[in-house]
């Protein structure tokens, strides 16, 4: 399948110079035939392997929300070709910005944006729930392949409990849980919700995630802040409506349960998170587990001056416990407030979540980049730049830093110049995803000698395609490489990927290493021009 893709030339200054898009990778990397110097020969220089500095690391991601067509596809009913073109445009933009991960929503409301025998196709594709793309393709498979081709991780984002979103318009498919298992699904406000107190419903959600883990080469499982629903008011009494889980609660009580109702609800959520963590570890240990909860912690633990909504009391999410137990690999608290808003101060909340992290899991805050709009109440782009700067202040004390943008559409549209500002500032240099060492022991799997490292002349004057070795059969997660280049008269330039264009004539030294599925760097190999 051909696709428009853009390549970038890594110059001696370290800047990326855009090259014309072309129809496929073969055309991009094809050497000039019949011309002298088509292939630049490299010779190993093992004495230089340790001369390059450590690779820069920072998690840089964006959420791609499919619910209500927030990010992708832009509207219901697009052709398969149009959906794919939009996906490629978002991925190309992510790669150009030097992001290193995309968090794609694949289950919005007990539906699927991938081939599934467990749940119906999402209406946000065709406009009709249960209808497959026509002509057929598998969106998740497409996103995984194209993200990895660009050196981007793909995190699959699931909503574990929502069954129908407010703006849903399609008739429900016969396979949807609201019809196949109506006893699990409750109406709350203008949405349908899977009751977290129904054990069989939790089993179903775990089966959905296991199915994706077994069939797709995803890099992480991700869930957001929707556990029990955010409270809604009764329109007449203006009183907060309680979640209608009476049948499940009564069964718990009659079986001898001793917890109070709110504690029982928290236990339901805790058990799902714990079981999800165990499932991922057992099914595919290299896949990480990330959660992006509401940004305010438990009221009894909050620092002075911090106030606002309590997810602990209303969503029944005991996030601090999940961190303490090590049930997750990264936490992305949604810090969706400006720095100057004292009751939800960014710096204070940044430090709060780090303090709740005894096992040193990754803490990567979510940023409200979509608050940059063309409306009077828009944030200035500097707000996001300053929040990134504050998150980086932890670098001397915390080797794992990073952040996520909500959402990709704001970056694609370059609202108020935010993408240009990121490229010129905090994203001027690429970075690797921080490693996750607690998921593996021993040396990195990326320990083999690269079987092929060479430079071939491209169709572009004085540029060469870096061709890196392919992983051996059975190796997992070796699609990414760290590459250091040292040019005559300048310092080291860092890049990452498996398909790079290099300004080779001035090249003095190249240091290359492979990365395993956990982000760990294998042994470095150094080369000079022969």
Protein backbone atom coordinates (compact mmCIF):
# COMPACT_ATOMS: atom_id res chain seq x y z
CA UNK A 1 0.00 0.00 0.00
CA UNK A 2 1.58 3.26 -1.08
CA UNK A 3 1.48 6.25 1.23
CA UNK A 4 2.76 9.80 1.13
CA UNK A 5 5.74 10.06 3.46
CA UNK A 6 8.22 12.83 4.18
CA UNK A 7 11.92 12.40 4.87
CA UNK A 8 14.31 14.80 6.55
CA UNK A 9 17.97 15.48 5.93
CA UNK A 10 20.10 15.63 9.07
CA UNK A 11 22.60 18.40 8.45
CA UNK A 12 25.84 19.10 10.26
CA UNK A 13 24.14 21.81 12.31
CA UNK A 14 21.67 19.27 13.63
CA UNK A 15 18.72 20.89 11.90
CA UNK A 16 16.22 18.86 9.89
CA UNK A 17 15.76 20.03 6.34
CA UNK A 18 12.43 18.95 4.82
CA UNK A 19 12.56 16.94 1.60
CA UNK A 20 9.74 16.45 -0.86
CA UNK A 21 7.12 13.86 -0.07
CA UNK A 22 7.16 10.80 -2.26
CA UNK A 23 4.86 7.92 -2.99
CA UNK A 24 6.78 5.23 -1.13
CA UNK A 25 9.90 4.42 0.84
CA UNK A 26 11.56 2.58 -2.04
CA UNK A 27 11.54 5.68 -4.18
CA UNK A 28 12.85 7.80 -1.32
CA UNK A 29 15.82 5.52 -0.58
CA UNK A 30 16.67 4.47 -4.13
CA UNK A 31 20.32 5.22 -4.97
CA UNK A 32 21.30 7.05 -8.13
CA UNK A 33 22.09 4.23 -10.51
CA UNK A 34 25.16 4.43 -12.70
CA UNK A 35 26.77 7.35 -10.89
CA UNK A 36 30.11 7.12 -9.09
CA UNK A 37 29.94 7.16 -5.33
CA UNK A 38 26.49 5.57 -5.10
CA UNK A 39 27.57 3.76 -1.95
CA UNK A 40 29.72 5.30 0.76
CA UNK A 41 31.71 2.58 2.45
CA UNK A 42 31.94 2.60 6.21
CA UNK A 43 34.52 0.88 8.33
CA UNK A 44 34.04 -0.18 11.96
CA UNK A 45 35.72 2.01 14.56
CA UNK A 46 35.09 0.19 17.87
CA UNK A 47 37.48 2.50 19.72
CA UNK A 48 34.97 5.35 19.13
CA UNK A 49 31.84 3.51 20.28
CA UNK A 50 31.85 5.19 23.70
CA UNK A 51 32.77 8.64 22.42
CA UNK A 52 29.20 9.82 21.84
CA UNK A 53 27.26 11.25 24.80
CA UNK A 54 24.22 9.53 26.37
CA UNK A 55 21.10 9.64 24.23
CA UNK A 56 18.62 12.37 25.27
CA UNK A 57 15.41 10.96 26.72
CA UNK A 58 12.00 12.54 27.17
CA UNK A 59 8.52 11.13 26.63
CA UNK A 60 6.78 13.31 24.03
CA UNK A 61 3.33 12.13 23.10
CA UNK A 62 -0.06 13.31 21.90
CA UNK A 63 -3.47 11.80 22.43
CA UNK A 64 -5.45 11.04 19.27
CA UNK A 65 -9.08 11.00 20.40
CA UNK A 66 -11.54 9.19 18.16
CA UNK A 67 -14.64 9.70 20.33
CA UNK A 68 -16.90 12.36 18.79
CA UNK A 69 -14.29 12.59 15.99
CA UNK A 70 -12.18 14.98 18.09
CA UNK A 71 -8.89 14.17 16.32
CA UNK A 72 -9.45 11.32 13.90
CA UNK A 73 -11.18 10.69 11.64
CA UNK A 74 -12.23 14.32 11.19
CA UNK A 75 -15.83 13.23 10.60
CA UNK A 76 -17.90 10.11 10.26
CA UNK A 77 -18.36 8.47 6.90
CA UNK A 78 -15.02 9.24 5.29
CA UNK A 79 -13.76 6.69 2.79
CA UNK A 80 -11.03 4.29 3.87
CA UNK A 81 -8.55 6.17 1.69
CA UNK A 82 -9.52 9.50 3.28
CA UNK A 83 -9.24 8.05 6.80
CA UNK A 84 -5.80 6.70 6.00
CA UNK A 85 -4.67 9.98 4.46
CA UNK A 86 -5.73 11.85 7.61
CA UNK A 87 -3.94 9.32 9.81
CA UNK A 88 -0.75 9.67 7.78
CA UNK A 89 -0.93 13.46 7.99
CA UNK A 90 -1.18 13.27 11.78
CA UNK A 91 1.68 10.78 12.01
CA UNK A 92 3.86 12.83 9.66
CA UNK A 93 3.21 15.90 11.79
CA UNK A 94 4.07 13.96 14.95
CA UNK A 95 7.32 12.75 13.42
CA UNK A 96 8.20 16.23 12.14
CA UNK A 97 7.63 17.63 15.64
CA UNK A 98 9.94 14.93 17.05
CA UNK A 99 7.26 13.37 19.19
CA UNK A 100 8.05 9.76 20.04
CA UNK A 101 4.62 8.31 20.88
CA UNK A 102 0.98 8.48 19.87
CA UNK A 103 -1.83 7.47 22.25
CA UNK A 104 -4.65 6.32 19.96
CA UNK A 105 -8.17 5.80 21.30
CA UNK A 106 -9.28 2.36 20.10
CA UNK A 107 -12.26 1.72 22.40
CA UNK A 108 -14.46 4.75 23.07
CA UNK A 109 -17.74 3.21 24.26
CA UNK A 110 -17.71 -0.60 24.28
CA UNK A 111 -16.87 -0.41 20.58
CA UNK A 112 -13.79 -1.09 18.47
CA UNK A 113 -11.64 0.81 15.99
CA UNK A 114 -10.11 -2.51 14.94
CA UNK A 115 -11.31 -5.93 13.86
CA UNK A 116 -13.05 -7.52 16.85
CA UNK A 117 -15.26 -10.49 17.54
CA UNK A 118 -16.06 -9.12 21.01
CA UNK A 119 -17.44 -5.65 20.26
CA UNK A 120 -18.93 -3.84 17.25
CA UNK A 121 -17.15 -1.39 14.97
CA UNK A 122 -17.22 2.17 16.29
CA UNK A 123 -19.72 4.56 14.75
CA UNK A 124 -16.99 7.23 14.60
CA UNK A 125 -15.63 5.52 11.49
CA UNK A 126 -18.59 4.95 9.15
CA UNK A 127 -21.32 6.73 11.07
CA UNK A 128 -23.05 3.42 11.77
CA UNK A 129 -22.06 1.28 14.72
CA UNK A 130 -21.13 -2.23 13.63
CA UNK A 131 -20.19 -1.27 10.07
CA UNK A 132 -16.66 -2.14 8.97
CA UNK A 133 -14.56 0.24 6.85
CA UNK A 134 -15.28 -0.03 3.14
CA UNK A 135 -13.14 -0.94 1.33
CA UNK A 136 -11.96 -2.95 4.29
CA UNK A 137 -8.84 -2.21 6.30
CA UNK A 138 -7.98 -2.55 9.98
CA UNK A 139 -7.42 0.96 11.44
CA UNK A 140 -5.40 -0.16 14.46
CA UNK A 141 -3.12 -2.36 12.36
CA UNK A 142 -2.64 0.57 9.96
CA UNK A 143 -1.81 3.01 12.77
CA UNK A 144 0.63 0.60 14.44
CA UNK A 145 2.49 -0.12 11.21
CA UNK A 146 2.71 3.51 10.11
CA UNK A 147 3.63 4.80 13.57
CA UNK A 148 6.45 2.28 13.89
CA UNK A 149 7.62 3.11 10.38
CA UNK A 150 8.19 6.66 11.63
CA UNK A 151 9.88 5.59 14.85
CA UNK A 152 6.79 6.42 16.96
CA UNK A 153 5.41 4.22 19.71
CA UNK A 154 1.71 3.40 19.51
CA UNK A 155 -0.16 3.25 22.82
CA UNK A 156 -3.66 1.77 22.56
CA UNK A 157 -6.14 3.83 24.61
CA UNK A 158 -9.21 2.06 26.03
CA UNK A 159 -12.17 3.41 27.93
CA UNK A 160 -13.01 0.58 30.35
CA UNK A 161 -16.52 1.59 31.45
CA UNK A 162 -18.28 4.05 29.12
CA UNK A 163 -20.91 2.34 26.93
CA UNK A 164 -22.37 5.29 24.99
CA UNK A 165 -21.09 8.83 24.74
CA UNK A 166 -23.31 11.92 24.86
CA UNK A 167 -22.94 12.79 21.17
CA UNK A 168 -23.42 9.27 19.84
CA UNK A 169 -26.05 9.21 17.09
CA UNK A 170 -26.01 5.74 15.56
CA UNK A 171 -28.43 2.99 16.44
CA UNK A 172 -26.70 0.44 18.64
CA UNK A 173 -25.51 -2.75 17.00
CA UNK A 174 -26.95 -6.08 18.17
CA UNK A 175 -23.50 -7.03 19.53
CA UNK A 176 -23.20 -3.90 21.68
CA UNK A 177 -23.23 -4.59 25.42
CA UNK A 178 -26.32 -2.44 25.93
CA UNK A 179 -28.20 -5.06 23.90
CA UNK A 180 -26.25 -8.27 24.43
CA UNK A 181 -25.69 -7.75 28.20
CA UNK A 182 -28.23 -5.08 29.25
CA UNK A 183 -27.92 -6.04 32.94
CA UNK A 184 -24.36 -4.64 32.94
CA UNK A 185 -25.23 -1.27 31.40
CA UNK A 186 -26.84 1.62 33.28
CA UNK A 187 -28.09 4.98 32.08
CA UNK A 188 -26.50 7.86 33.92
CA UNK A 189 -27.39 11.35 32.74
CA UNK A 190 -27.20 11.37 28.95
CA UNK A 191 -24.72 8.48 28.73
CA UNK A 192 -24.70 4.72 29.13
CA UNK A 193 -22.18 3.28 31.56
CA UNK A 194 -20.90 -0.23 32.23
CA UNK A 195 -21.39 -0.88 35.94
CA UNK A 196 -17.93 -1.38 37.53
CA UNK A 197 -19.63 -3.47 40.24
CA UNK A 198 -20.57 -6.21 37.75
CA UNK A 199 -17.75 -8.82 37.85
CA UNK A 200 -18.67 -10.29 34.47
CA UNK A 201 -18.46 -6.84 32.89
CA UNK A 202 -14.95 -6.40 34.26
CA UNK A 203 -14.05 -9.83 32.84
CA UNK A 204 -15.31 -8.69 29.44
CA UNK A 205 -13.22 -5.50 29.49
CA UNK A 206 -10.13 -7.54 30.34
CA UNK A 207 -10.92 -9.96 27.50
CA UNK A 208 -11.10 -7.01 25.10
CA UNK A 209 -7.66 -5.79 26.17
CA UNK A 210 -6.15 -9.27 26.04
CA UNK A 211 -7.49 -9.70 22.51
CA UNK A 212 -5.70 -6.54 21.36
CA UNK A 213 -2.50 -7.50 23.18
CA UNK A 214 -2.40 -10.86 21.44
CA UNK A 215 -3.12 -9.60 17.92
CA UNK A 216 -1.46 -6.18 17.62
CA UNK A 217 2.10 -4.99 18.12
CA UNK A 218 1.16 -2.14 20.45
CA UNK A 219 3.72 -0.58 22.78
CA UNK A 220 1.41 0.21 25.71
CA UNK A 221 -2.13 -0.13 27.05
CA UNK A 222 -3.55 3.21 28.18
CA UNK A 223 -6.71 4.10 30.12
CA UNK A 224 -7.93 7.58 30.97
CA UNK A 225 -9.83 9.29 33.81
CA UNK A 226 -13.24 7.68 33.25
CA UNK A 227 -13.88 5.11 35.96
CA UNK A 228 -17.22 5.74 37.63
CA UNK A 229 -18.75 8.64 35.69
CA UNK A 230 -18.28 12.28 36.54
CA UNK A 231 -21.31 13.34 38.62
CA UNK A 232 -24.38 14.86 36.98
CA UNK A 233 -27.27 16.70 38.58
CA UNK A 234 -30.94 15.86 38.47
CA UNK A 235 -32.49 18.60 36.29
CA UNK A 236 -35.44 19.05 38.68
CA UNK A 237 -33.94 18.77 42.14
CA UNK A 238 -30.46 20.04 41.16
CA UNK A 239 -29.11 17.31 43.45
CA UNK A 240 -26.23 15.10 42.38
CA UNK A 241 -27.47 11.79 41.02
CA UNK A 242 -26.05 8.65 42.58
CA UNK A 243 -24.81 5.99 40.20
CA UNK A 244 -27.55 3.33 39.76
CA UNK A 245 -25.64 0.25 40.90
CA UNK A 246 -28.17 -1.04 43.45
CA UNK A 247 -28.39 -4.64 42.09
CA UNK A 248 -24.63 -5.18 42.22
CA UNK A 249 -24.41 -3.52 45.63
CA UNK A 250 -27.16 -5.68 47.09
CA UNK A 251 -25.50 -8.85 45.81
CA UNK A 252 -22.27 -7.75 47.49
CA UNK A 253 -24.03 -7.08 50.80
CA UNK A 254 -26.02 -10.32 50.70
CA UNK A 255 -22.79 -12.24 50.06
CA UNK A 256 -21.42 -10.90 53.33
CA UNK A 257 -19.47 -7.89 52.05
CA UNK A 258 -18.42 -5.53 54.85
CA UNK A 259 -17.18 -2.44 52.99
CA UNK A 260 -19.14 0.78 52.92
CA UNK A 261 -20.62 1.57 49.54
CA UNK A 262 -18.02 4.17 48.51
CA UNK A 263 -15.17 1.88 49.59
CA UNK A 264 -16.76 -0.99 47.68
CA UNK A 265 -16.86 1.16 44.55
CA UNK A 266 -13.17 2.02 44.97
CA UNK A 267 -12.42 -1.67 45.42
CA UNK A 268 -14.16 -2.40 42.11
CA UNK A 269 -11.91 0.06 40.32
CA UNK A 270 -8.79 -1.05 42.21
CA UNK A 271 -9.41 -4.66 41.24
CA UNK A 272 -9.81 -3.80 37.58
CA UNK A 273 -6.56 -1.80 37.54
CA UNK A 274 -4.68 -4.56 39.36
CA UNK A 275 -6.05 -7.29 37.11
CA UNK A 276 -5.30 -5.22 34.01
CA UNK A 277 -1.70 -4.86 35.16
CA UNK A 278 -1.43 -8.59 35.81
CA UNK A 279 -3.00 -9.40 32.44
CA UNK A 280 -0.53 -7.23 30.53
CA UNK A 281 2.45 -8.70 32.39
CA UNK A 282 1.26 -12.26 31.70
CA UNK A 283 0.28 -11.72 28.05
CA UNK A 284 3.06 -9.49 26.73
CA UNK A 285 5.56 -8.39 29.41
CA UNK A 286 7.26 -5.75 27.25
CA UNK A 287 4.01 -3.76 26.86
CA UNK A 288 3.70 -0.90 29.33
CA UNK A 289 0.56 0.14 31.23
CA UNK A 290 -0.30 3.82 31.48
CA UNK A 291 -3.13 5.70 33.20
CA UNK A 292 -4.06 9.37 32.75
CA UNK A 293 -6.26 10.30 35.72
CA UNK A 294 -7.75 13.63 36.71
CA UNK A 295 -4.92 15.80 37.96
CA UNK A 296 -5.93 16.38 41.61
CA UNK A 297 -5.09 13.78 44.20
CA UNK A 298 -6.79 12.54 47.34
CA UNK A 299 -8.06 15.48 49.45
CA UNK A 300 -6.46 14.19 52.66
CA UNK A 301 -3.02 14.23 51.01
CA UNK A 302 -3.16 17.46 49.02
CA UNK A 303 -0.58 20.18 49.61
CA UNK A 304 -1.75 23.44 51.20
CA UNK A 305 -3.62 25.67 48.77
CA UNK A 306 -4.63 22.91 46.35
CA UNK A 307 -8.41 22.57 45.98
CA UNK A 308 -10.99 21.22 43.56
CA UNK A 309 -12.79 18.11 42.39
CA UNK A 310 -12.05 14.84 44.22
CA UNK A 311 -11.67 11.86 41.90
CA UNK A 312 -11.09 9.73 45.01
CA UNK A 313 -14.61 10.51 46.30
CA UNK A 314 -16.50 10.94 43.01
CA UNK A 315 -14.79 8.72 40.40
CA UNK A 316 -13.67 6.22 43.08
CA UNK A 317 -10.13 6.32 41.74
CA UNK A 318 -7.44 5.71 44.39
CA UNK A 319 -4.58 6.74 42.11
CA UNK A 320 -2.08 7.08 44.94
CA UNK A 321 -2.58 3.41 45.79
CA UNK A 322 -1.99 2.33 42.19
CA UNK A 323 1.36 4.11 42.22
CA UNK A 324 2.32 2.71 45.61
CA UNK A 325 1.45 -0.85 44.53
CA UNK A 326 3.31 -0.52 41.22
CA UNK A 327 0.28 -1.54 39.17
CA UNK A 328 1.19 0.86 36.36
CA UNK A 329 4.30 1.83 34.42
CA UNK A 330 3.48 5.47 33.77
CA UNK A 331 1.07 7.99 35.20
CA UNK A 332 -0.06 10.93 33.10
CA UNK A 333 -2.07 13.13 35.49
CA UNK A 334 -4.16 15.62 33.56
CA UNK A 335 -2.72 18.95 34.74
CA UNK A 336 -5.14 20.98 32.65
CA UNK A 337 -4.78 24.34 34.38
CA UNK A 338 -2.57 27.38 33.73
CA UNK A 339 0.55 27.82 35.82
CA UNK A 340 -0.82 30.93 37.52
CA UNK A 341 -3.99 29.18 38.79
CA UNK A 342 -2.97 28.73 42.42
CA UNK A 343 -5.67 26.25 43.50
CA UNK A 344 -4.37 23.85 40.83
CA UNK A 345 -0.78 25.09 40.60
CA UNK A 346 1.22 23.16 37.98
CA UNK A 347 4.51 23.08 39.90
CA UNK A 348 2.86 22.02 43.16
CA UNK A 349 0.91 19.23 41.47
CA UNK A 350 4.00 18.14 39.55
CA UNK A 351 5.85 17.70 42.84
CA UNK A 352 2.82 16.13 44.55
CA UNK A 353 2.58 13.24 42.11
CA UNK A 354 6.32 12.66 42.25
CA UNK A 355 6.05 12.44 46.04
CA UNK A 356 3.38 9.71 45.73
CA UNK A 357 5.73 7.56 43.66
CA UNK A 358 7.79 5.29 45.95
CA UNK A 359 8.57 2.77 43.20
CA UNK A 360 9.75 5.48 40.80
CA UNK A 361 7.32 4.81 38.00
CA UNK A 362 7.23 7.28 35.11
CA UNK A 363 5.27 10.48 35.87
CA UNK A 364 4.48 12.35 32.64
CA UNK A 365 1.86 15.12 33.01
CA UNK A 366 -0.88 15.65 30.47
CA UNK A 367 -0.98 19.19 29.05
CA UNK A 368 -4.14 20.92 27.82
CA UNK A 369 -2.66 22.00 24.48
CA UNK A 370 -6.14 22.12 22.92
CA UNK A 371 -6.89 25.09 25.16
CA UNK A 372 -4.96 27.05 22.53
CA UNK A 373 -7.75 28.21 20.21
CA UNK A 374 -8.85 31.22 18.18
CA UNK A 375 -11.27 32.24 20.94
CA UNK A 376 -10.83 35.12 23.42
CA UNK A 377 -10.27 32.73 26.35
CA UNK A 378 -7.48 30.88 24.55
CA UNK A 379 -4.25 30.11 26.28
CA UNK A 380 -1.15 31.64 24.73
CA UNK A 381 1.21 29.07 23.21
CA UNK A 382 3.78 30.19 25.80
CA UNK A 383 1.68 28.51 28.51
CA UNK A 384 2.44 25.07 27.09
CA UNK A 385 6.09 25.93 26.47
CA UNK A 386 6.43 27.07 30.08
CA UNK A 387 4.76 23.92 31.39
CA UNK A 388 7.22 21.80 29.42
CA UNK A 389 10.06 23.85 30.89
CA UNK A 390 8.71 23.23 34.40
CA UNK A 391 8.43 19.50 33.76
CA UNK A 392 12.08 19.49 32.66
CA UNK A 393 13.22 21.08 35.90
CA UNK A 394 12.99 17.60 37.44
CA UNK A 395 15.70 16.24 35.13
CA UNK A 396 18.61 16.46 37.64
CA UNK A 397 16.59 14.47 40.19
CA UNK A 398 14.39 12.30 37.95
CA UNK A 399 15.91 10.70 34.86
CA UNK A 400 12.44 10.01 33.46
CA UNK A 401 10.75 13.19 32.25
CA UNK A 402 8.05 13.75 29.68
CA UNK A 403 4.54 14.97 28.91
CA UNK A 404 1.51 14.33 26.69
CA UNK A 405 -0.48 16.84 24.64
CA UNK A 406 -4.25 16.80 24.56
CA UNK A 407 -4.71 16.62 21.75
CA UNK A 408 -3.05 16.04 18.37
CA UNK A 409 -5.45 18.27 16.43
CA UNK A 410 -4.07 21.38 18.14
CA UNK A 411 -0.56 20.48 16.99
CA UNK A 412 -1.73 19.55 13.49
CA UNK A 413 -3.42 22.95 13.13
CA UNK A 414 -0.39 24.75 14.60
CA UNK A 415 -2.73 26.88 16.70
CA UNK A 416 -1.20 30.24 17.48
CA UNK A 417 2.13 28.91 16.24
CA UNK A 418 2.45 26.23 18.95
CA UNK A 419 3.97 23.61 16.65
CA UNK A 420 6.51 26.03 15.20
CA UNK A 421 7.42 27.16 18.72
CA UNK A 422 7.92 23.55 19.82
CA UNK A 423 10.10 22.77 16.80
CA UNK A 424 12.24 25.84 17.35
CA UNK A 425 12.45 25.41 21.12
CA UNK A 426 11.93 22.34 23.33
CA UNK A 427 11.72 19.89 20.40
CA UNK A 428 14.71 21.18 18.44
CA UNK A 429 16.50 17.89 19.17
CA UNK A 430 14.84 14.44 19.09
CA UNK A 431 14.66 12.31 22.22
CA UNK A 432 14.18 8.65 23.04
CA UNK A 433 11.36 7.39 25.22
CA UNK A 434 12.71 6.83 28.77
CA UNK A 435 13.54 3.19 29.40
CA UNK A 436 11.35 1.02 31.64
CA UNK A 437 13.93 -1.19 33.39
CA UNK A 438 11.58 -2.74 35.97
CA UNK A 439 9.84 -4.74 33.22
CA UNK A 440 12.96 -6.67 32.30
CA UNK A 441 16.20 -7.94 33.78
CA UNK A 442 19.68 -8.39 32.41
CA UNK A 443 21.13 -6.83 29.29
CA UNK A 444 18.96 -5.21 26.67
CA UNK A 445 17.59 -7.58 24.05
CA UNK A 446 19.08 -5.26 21.43
CA UNK A 447 22.47 -6.90 21.85
CA UNK A 448 23.13 -8.34 18.41
CA UNK A 449 25.72 -6.91 16.05
CA UNK A 450 23.96 -4.88 13.37
CA UNK A 451 24.34 -6.93 10.18
CA UNK A 452 24.26 -3.98 7.79
CA UNK A 453 25.18 -0.33 8.24
CA UNK A 454 25.82 1.61 5.05
CA UNK A 455 25.12 4.90 3.32
CA UNK A 456 23.59 4.97 -0.16
CA UNK A 457 23.33 8.08 -2.36
CA UNK A 458 19.73 9.27 -2.74
CA UNK A 459 18.06 11.31 -5.42
CA UNK A 460 18.90 14.42 -3.41
CA UNK A 461 22.23 16.11 -3.92
CA UNK A 462 24.81 15.30 -1.26
CA UNK A 463 22.41 13.27 0.87
CA UNK A 464 22.67 9.59 1.73
CA UNK A 465 20.20 7.09 3.09
CA UNK A 466 21.26 5.35 6.27
CA UNK A 467 20.44 1.66 5.94
CA UNK A 468 20.41 -0.19 9.24
CA UNK A 469 20.36 -3.90 9.86
CA UNK A 470 17.13 -5.78 10.28
CA UNK A 471 16.50 -7.65 13.55
CA UNK A 472 17.02 -11.39 13.65
CA UNK A 473 14.02 -13.68 13.44
CA UNK A 474 12.16 -13.79 16.74
CA UNK A 475 13.56 -10.52 18.08
CA UNK A 476 10.95 -8.17 19.50
CA UNK A 477 10.79 -4.39 19.49
CA UNK A 478 13.93 -3.72 17.45
CA UNK A 479 12.46 -1.26 14.99
CA UNK A 480 14.16 1.75 16.61
CA UNK A 481 17.76 2.90 16.62
CA UNK A 482 19.74 5.65 18.31
CA UNK A 483 22.14 7.40 15.96
CA UNK A 484 24.87 9.88 16.85
CA UNK A 485 26.63 11.77 14.02
CA UNK A 486 29.75 13.89 14.32
CA UNK A 487 30.53 16.21 11.45
CA UNK A 488 33.76 18.00 10.62
CA UNK A 489 33.94 21.31 12.45
CA UNK A 490 30.90 20.66 14.66
CA UNK A 491 29.78 18.58 17.59
CA UNK A 492 27.56 15.55 17.92
CA UNK A 493 24.09 15.49 16.33
CA UNK A 494 21.51 13.01 17.66
CA UNK A 495 18.70 11.32 15.76
CA UNK A 496 16.55 8.24 16.11
CA UNK A 497 14.96 5.90 13.62
CA UNK A 498 15.72 3.24 11.06
CA UNK A 499 15.31 5.28 7.87
CA UNK A 500 17.37 8.49 7.96
CA UNK A 501 18.91 10.78 5.37
CA UNK A 502 22.34 12.13 6.25
CA UNK A 503 24.58 14.90 4.91
CA UNK A 504 27.41 12.42 4.57
CA UNK A 505 30.35 14.26 2.89
CA UNK A 506 31.32 16.01 6.13
CA UNK A 507 30.64 12.98 8.33
CA UNK A 508 33.53 11.97 10.60
CA UNK A 509 32.00 9.45 13.01
CA UNK A 510 28.66 7.63 13.28
CA UNK A 511 27.66 5.79 16.45
CA UNK A 512 24.62 3.50 16.21
CA UNK A 513 22.77 1.36 18.74
CA UNK A 514 19.54 -0.61 18.65
CA UNK A 515 16.76 -0.18 21.20
CA UNK A 516 14.72 -3.00 22.63
CA UNK A 517 11.01 -3.03 23.40
CA UNK A 518 11.63 -1.54 26.85
CA UNK A 519 13.58 1.40 25.44
CA UNK A 520 16.92 0.02 26.63
CA UNK A 521 19.93 0.72 24.47
CA UNK A 522 22.05 -2.17 23.21
CA UNK A 523 25.82 -2.06 22.64
CA UNK A 524 27.01 0.82 20.49
CA UNK A 525 28.81 0.36 17.17
CA UNK A 526 30.93 3.15 15.69
CA UNK A 527 31.85 3.76 12.06
CA UNK A 528 33.94 6.16 10.02
CA UNK A 529 34.02 6.68 6.26
CA UNK A 530 36.33 4.17 4.59
